[in-house]
């Protein structure tokens, strides 16, 4: 005889989530590799001077930057030359405090090897640079680097 069975509705199989962690980690690694992180946004305009003897820094973890130039937003901040420490304008007197904070964030064995890189606009007056150097001397930050762009010998002497 023929037997008839009742039709049982078929269930949709559950979605497997076994490969979900793999997909998430692939996306995470992709974004970690393709993203660049800039620690401090530039709020001053810096056009570095040209130099013929330029060397790249070997260990950038030892470098702290001081930016000097005219503000990028002149309507808001004016046209007077400013000093940028981290992400804010600061007076020259705060450089000692800035250096002590930078040293605290470093490994203890590297604290004496702190390099201060001054990124100054080529039109900045030397009086401000001298004031910065005096404050760095008081803070015992004696390794100073001046950032410059690679240029030809003729381009360097054309600026005089």
C-alpha atoms as a PDB file:
ATOM      1  CA  UNK A   1       0.000   0.000   0.000  1.00  0.00           C
ATOM      2  CA  UNK A   2       0.858   3.513  -0.454  1.00  0.00           C
ATOM      3  CA  UNK A   3       1.515   5.469   2.624  1.00  0.00           C
ATOM      4  CA  UNK A   4       1.151   9.190   2.713  1.00  0.00           C
ATOM      5  CA  UNK A   5       3.234  11.280   4.974  1.00  0.00           C
ATOM      6  CA  UNK A   6       2.383  14.677   6.120  1.00  0.00           C
ATOM      7  CA  UNK A   7       4.569  17.327   4.586  1.00  0.00           C
ATOM      8  CA  UNK A   8       6.888  18.697   7.205  1.00  0.00           C
ATOM      9  CA  UNK A   9       7.969  22.230   6.405  1.00  0.00           C
ATOM     10  CA  UNK A  10      11.692  22.355   5.766  1.00  0.00           C
ATOM     11  CA  UNK A  11      13.677  24.520   8.096  1.00  0.00           C
ATOM     12  CA  UNK A  12      16.298  26.899   6.827  1.00  0.00           C
ATOM     13  CA  UNK A  13      19.673  25.819   8.158  1.00  0.00           C
ATOM     14  CA  UNK A  14      21.296  28.178  10.670  1.00  0.00           C
ATOM     15  CA  UNK A  15      23.986  30.586   9.543  1.00  0.00           C
ATOM     16  CA  UNK A  16      27.416  29.337  10.483  1.00  0.00           C
ATOM     17  CA  UNK A  17      29.452  31.927  12.377  1.00  0.00           C
ATOM     18  CA  UNK A  18      32.609  29.840  12.558  1.00  0.00           C
ATOM     19  CA  UNK A  19      34.446  31.966   9.970  1.00  0.00           C
ATOM     20  CA  UNK A  20      33.287  35.310  11.392  1.00  0.00           C
ATOM     21  CA  UNK A  21      36.346  35.825  13.671  1.00  0.00           C
ATOM     22  CA  UNK A  22      38.651  35.181  10.708  1.00  0.00           C
ATOM     23  CA  UNK A  23      36.901  37.832   8.638  1.00  0.00           C
ATOM     24  CA  UNK A  24      36.998  40.333  11.503  1.00  0.00           C
ATOM     25  CA  UNK A  25      40.725  39.816  12.075  1.00  0.00           C
ATOM     26  CA  UNK A  26      41.472  40.152   8.354  1.00  0.00           C
ATOM     27  CA  UNK A  27      39.640  43.483   8.298  1.00  0.00           C
ATOM     28  CA  UNK A  28      41.382  44.587  11.483  1.00  0.00           C
ATOM     29  CA  UNK A  29      44.829  43.789  10.065  1.00  0.00           C
ATOM     30  CA  UNK A  30      43.980  45.515   6.781  1.00  0.00           C
ATOM     31  CA  UNK A  31      43.002  48.748   8.535  1.00  0.00           C
ATOM     32  CA  UNK A  32      45.977  48.593  10.906  1.00  0.00           C
ATOM     33  CA  UNK A  33      48.386  48.294   7.982  1.00  0.00           C
ATOM     34  CA  UNK A  34      46.758  50.797   5.651  1.00  0.00           C
ATOM     35  CA  UNK A  35      46.093  53.546   8.213  1.00  0.00           C
ATOM     36  CA  UNK A  36      48.701  56.126   9.062  1.00  0.00           C
ATOM     37  CA  UNK A  37      48.555  57.814  12.426  1.00  0.00           C
ATOM     38  CA  UNK A  38      49.602  61.406  12.794  1.00  0.00           C
ATOM     39  CA  UNK A  39      50.125  62.301  16.409  1.00  0.00           C
ATOM     40  CA  UNK A  40      49.889  66.069  16.220  1.00  0.00           C
ATOM     41  CA  UNK A  41      47.843  68.013  13.701  1.00  0.00           C
ATOM     42  CA  UNK A  42      49.766  70.901  12.174  1.00  0.00           C
ATOM     43  CA  UNK A  43      48.210  74.216  13.202  1.00  0.00           C
ATOM     44  CA  UNK A  44      51.150  76.307  11.989  1.00  0.00           C
ATOM     45  CA  UNK A  45      52.418  76.621   8.439  1.00  0.00           C
ATOM     46  CA  UNK A  46      55.942  75.292   8.059  1.00  0.00           C
ATOM     47  CA  UNK A  47      57.891  75.621   4.829  1.00  0.00           C
ATOM     48  CA  UNK A  48      61.245  74.125   5.787  1.00  0.00           C
ATOM     49  CA  UNK A  49      64.413  75.789   4.554  1.00  0.00           C
ATOM     50  CA  UNK A  50      66.585  74.048   1.962  1.00  0.00           C
ATOM     51  CA  UNK A  51      69.828  72.350   2.932  1.00  0.00           C
ATOM     52  CA  UNK A  52      72.509  70.443   1.054  1.00  0.00           C
ATOM     53  CA  UNK A  53      73.567  68.060   3.836  1.00  0.00           C
ATOM     54  CA  UNK A  54      70.360  66.374   5.021  1.00  0.00           C
ATOM     55  CA  UNK A  55      70.323  63.183   7.087  1.00  0.00           C
ATOM     56  CA  UNK A  56      67.357  61.017   7.995  1.00  0.00           C
ATOM     57  CA  UNK A  57      66.627  60.314  11.645  1.00  0.00           C
ATOM     58  CA  UNK A  58      67.353  56.726  12.627  1.00  0.00           C
ATOM     59  CA  UNK A  59      65.221  56.269  15.732  1.00  0.00           C
ATOM     60  CA  UNK A  60      62.166  58.509  15.590  1.00  0.00           C
ATOM     61  CA  UNK A  61      60.863  57.362  18.970  1.00  0.00           C
ATOM     62  CA  UNK A  62      63.545  59.547  20.586  1.00  0.00           C
ATOM     63  CA  UNK A  63      62.408  62.699  18.738  1.00  0.00           C
ATOM     64  CA  UNK A  64      60.071  65.387  20.081  1.00  0.00           C
ATOM     65  CA  UNK A  65      58.967  68.111  17.687  1.00  0.00           C
ATOM     66  CA  UNK A  66      58.602  71.854  18.203  1.00  0.00           C
ATOM     67  CA  UNK A  67      56.814  73.584  15.320  1.00  0.00           C
ATOM     68  CA  UNK A  68      57.385  77.301  14.705  1.00  0.00           C
ATOM     69  CA  UNK A  69      55.553  79.377  12.118  1.00  0.00           C
ATOM     70  CA  UNK A  70      52.546  81.494  11.328  1.00  0.00           C
ATOM     71  CA  UNK A  71      49.152  79.976  12.161  1.00  0.00           C
ATOM     72  CA  UNK A  72      47.360  78.093   9.405  1.00  0.00           C
ATOM     73  CA  UNK A  73      44.077  79.824  10.262  1.00  0.00           C
ATOM     74  CA  UNK A  74      45.128  83.492  10.210  1.00  0.00           C
ATOM     75  CA  UNK A  75      41.547  84.742  10.538  1.00  0.00           C
ATOM     76  CA  UNK A  76      41.225  83.026  13.912  1.00  0.00           C
ATOM     77  CA  UNK A  77      44.762  83.181  15.331  1.00  0.00           C
ATOM     78  CA  UNK A  78      46.328  86.224  13.629  1.00  0.00           C
ATOM     79  CA  UNK A  79      49.575  86.502  11.708  1.00  0.00           C
ATOM     80  CA  UNK A  80      52.074  86.550  14.580  1.00  0.00           C
ATOM     81  CA  UNK A  81      54.606  83.711  14.610  1.00  0.00           C
ATOM     82  CA  UNK A  82      53.565  81.009  17.081  1.00  0.00           C
ATOM     83  CA  UNK A  83      55.129  77.980  18.755  1.00  0.00           C
ATOM     84  CA  UNK A  84      53.227  74.692  18.593  1.00  0.00           C
ATOM     85  CA  UNK A  85      53.949  72.063  21.239  1.00  0.00           C
ATOM     86  CA  UNK A  86      51.962  68.866  20.676  1.00  0.00           C
ATOM     87  CA  UNK A  87      48.586  70.087  19.427  1.00  0.00           C
ATOM     88  CA  UNK A  88      48.309  73.588  20.943  1.00  0.00           C
ATOM     89  CA  UNK A  89      49.994  76.975  20.801  1.00  0.00           C
ATOM     90  CA  UNK A  90      52.247  77.569  23.800  1.00  0.00           C
ATOM     91  CA  UNK A  91      54.470  80.422  24.979  1.00  0.00           C
ATOM     92  CA  UNK A  92      58.229  79.946  25.057  1.00  0.00           C
ATOM     93  CA  UNK A  93      58.135  79.571  28.859  1.00  0.00           C
ATOM     94  CA  UNK A  94      56.241  76.251  28.588  1.00  0.00           C
ATOM     95  CA  UNK A  95      59.005  74.478  26.674  1.00  0.00           C
ATOM     96  CA  UNK A  96      60.641  73.215  29.892  1.00  0.00           C
ATOM     97  CA  UNK A  97      57.375  71.631  31.017  1.00  0.00           C
ATOM     98  CA  UNK A  98      56.904  70.128  27.528  1.00  0.00           C
ATOM     99  CA  UNK A  99      60.373  68.540  27.652  1.00  0.00           C
ATOM    100  CA  UNK A 100      59.785  67.072  31.123  1.00  0.00           C
ATOM    101  CA  UNK A 101      56.491  65.493  29.958  1.00  0.00           C
ATOM    102  CA  UNK A 102      58.167  64.062  26.881  1.00  0.00           C
ATOM    103  CA  UNK A 103      60.895  62.522  29.045  1.00  0.00           C
ATOM    104  CA  UNK A 104      58.322  60.991  31.399  1.00  0.00           C
ATOM    105  CA  UNK A 105      56.694  59.216  28.448  1.00  0.00           C
ATOM    106  CA  UNK A 106      60.005  57.671  27.359  1.00  0.00           C
ATOM    107  CA  UNK A 107      61.724  54.520  28.555  1.00  0.00           C
ATOM    108  CA  UNK A 108      64.120  55.379  31.377  1.00  0.00           C
ATOM    109  CA  UNK A 109      67.212  54.268  29.452  1.00  0.00           C
ATOM    110  CA  UNK A 110      66.369  56.629  26.560  1.00  0.00           C
ATOM    111  CA  UNK A 111      65.591  59.760  28.585  1.00  0.00           C
ATOM    112  CA  UNK A 112      69.109  61.183  28.252  1.00  0.00           C
ATOM    113  CA  UNK A 113      69.051  60.605  24.483  1.00  0.00           C
ATOM    114  CA  UNK A 114      65.983  62.796  23.801  1.00  0.00           C
ATOM    115  CA  UNK A 115      66.297  64.648  20.495  1.00  0.00           C
ATOM    116  CA  UNK A 116      64.367  67.883  20.045  1.00  0.00           C
ATOM    117  CA  UNK A 117      63.621  68.626  16.407  1.00  0.00           C
ATOM    118  CA  UNK A 118      62.743  72.219  15.587  1.00  0.00           C
ATOM    119  CA  UNK A 119      60.555  72.420  12.489  1.00  0.00           C
ATOM    120  CA  UNK A 120      60.541  76.119  11.706  1.00  0.00           C
ATOM    121  CA  UNK A 121      59.264  78.041   8.722  1.00  0.00           C
ATOM    122  CA  UNK A 122      62.068  79.466   6.611  1.00  0.00           C
ATOM    123  CA  UNK A 123      60.792  83.022   7.216  1.00  0.00           C
ATOM    124  CA  UNK A 124      60.793  82.793  11.041  1.00  0.00           C
ATOM    125  CA  UNK A 125      62.992  85.325  12.812  1.00  0.00           C
ATOM    126  CA  UNK A 126      66.046  83.900  14.541  1.00  0.00           C
ATOM    127  CA  UNK A 127      65.136  85.642  17.815  1.00  0.00           C
ATOM    128  CA  UNK A 128      62.345  83.119  18.410  1.00  0.00           C
ATOM    129  CA  UNK A 129      64.668  80.209  17.606  1.00  0.00           C
ATOM    130  CA  UNK A 130      67.240  81.630  20.044  1.00  0.00           C
ATOM    131  CA  UNK A 131      64.590  81.914  22.780  1.00  0.00           C
ATOM    132  CA  UNK A 132      63.573  78.293  22.164  1.00  0.00           C
ATOM    133  CA  UNK A 133      67.202  77.177  22.363  1.00  0.00           C
ATOM    134  CA  UNK A 134      67.664  79.029  25.673  1.00  0.00           C
ATOM    135  CA  UNK A 135      64.621  77.275  27.161  1.00  0.00           C
ATOM    136  CA  UNK A 136      65.879  73.918  25.877  1.00  0.00           C
ATOM    137  CA  UNK A 137      69.231  74.599  27.533  1.00  0.00           C
ATOM    138  CA  UNK A 138      67.460  75.315  30.857  1.00  0.00           C
ATOM    139  CA  UNK A 139      65.531  72.034  30.498  1.00  0.00           C
ATOM    140  CA  UNK A 140      68.818  70.219  29.740  1.00  0.00           C
ATOM    141  CA  UNK A 141      67.620  69.100  26.314  1.00  0.00           C
ATOM    142  CA  UNK A 142      70.942  69.545  24.578  1.00  0.00           C
ATOM    143  CA  UNK A 143      70.490  67.412  21.456  1.00  0.00           C
ATOM    144  CA  UNK A 144      68.773  69.686  18.927  1.00  0.00           C
ATOM    145  CA  UNK A 145      67.926  68.901  15.338  1.00  0.00           C
ATOM    146  CA  UNK A 146      66.802  71.418  12.729  1.00  0.00           C
ATOM    147  CA  UNK A 147      64.425  70.014  10.108  1.00  0.00           C
ATOM    148  CA  UNK A 148      65.107  71.005   6.512  1.00  0.00           C
ATOM    149  CA  UNK A 149      64.180  69.933   3.005  1.00  0.00           C
ATOM    150  CA  UNK A 150      66.725  68.501   0.582  1.00  0.00           C
ATOM    151  CA  UNK A 151      67.850  71.181  -1.838  1.00  0.00           C
ATOM    152  CA  UNK A 152      70.602  71.882  -4.304  1.00  0.00           C
ATOM    153  CA  UNK A 153      73.606  73.999  -3.412  1.00  0.00           C
ATOM    154  CA  UNK A 154      72.467  76.731  -5.795  1.00  0.00           C
ATOM    155  CA  UNK A 155      68.944  76.835  -4.300  1.00  0.00           C
ATOM    156  CA  UNK A 156      70.362  77.211  -0.785  1.00  0.00           C
ATOM    157  CA  UNK A 157      72.565  80.186  -1.711  1.00  0.00           C
ATOM    158  CA  UNK A 158      69.846  81.842  -3.830  1.00  0.00           C
ATOM    159  CA  UNK A 159      67.896  82.527  -0.618  1.00  0.00           C
ATOM    160  CA  UNK A 160      70.587  84.926   0.650  1.00  0.00           C
END
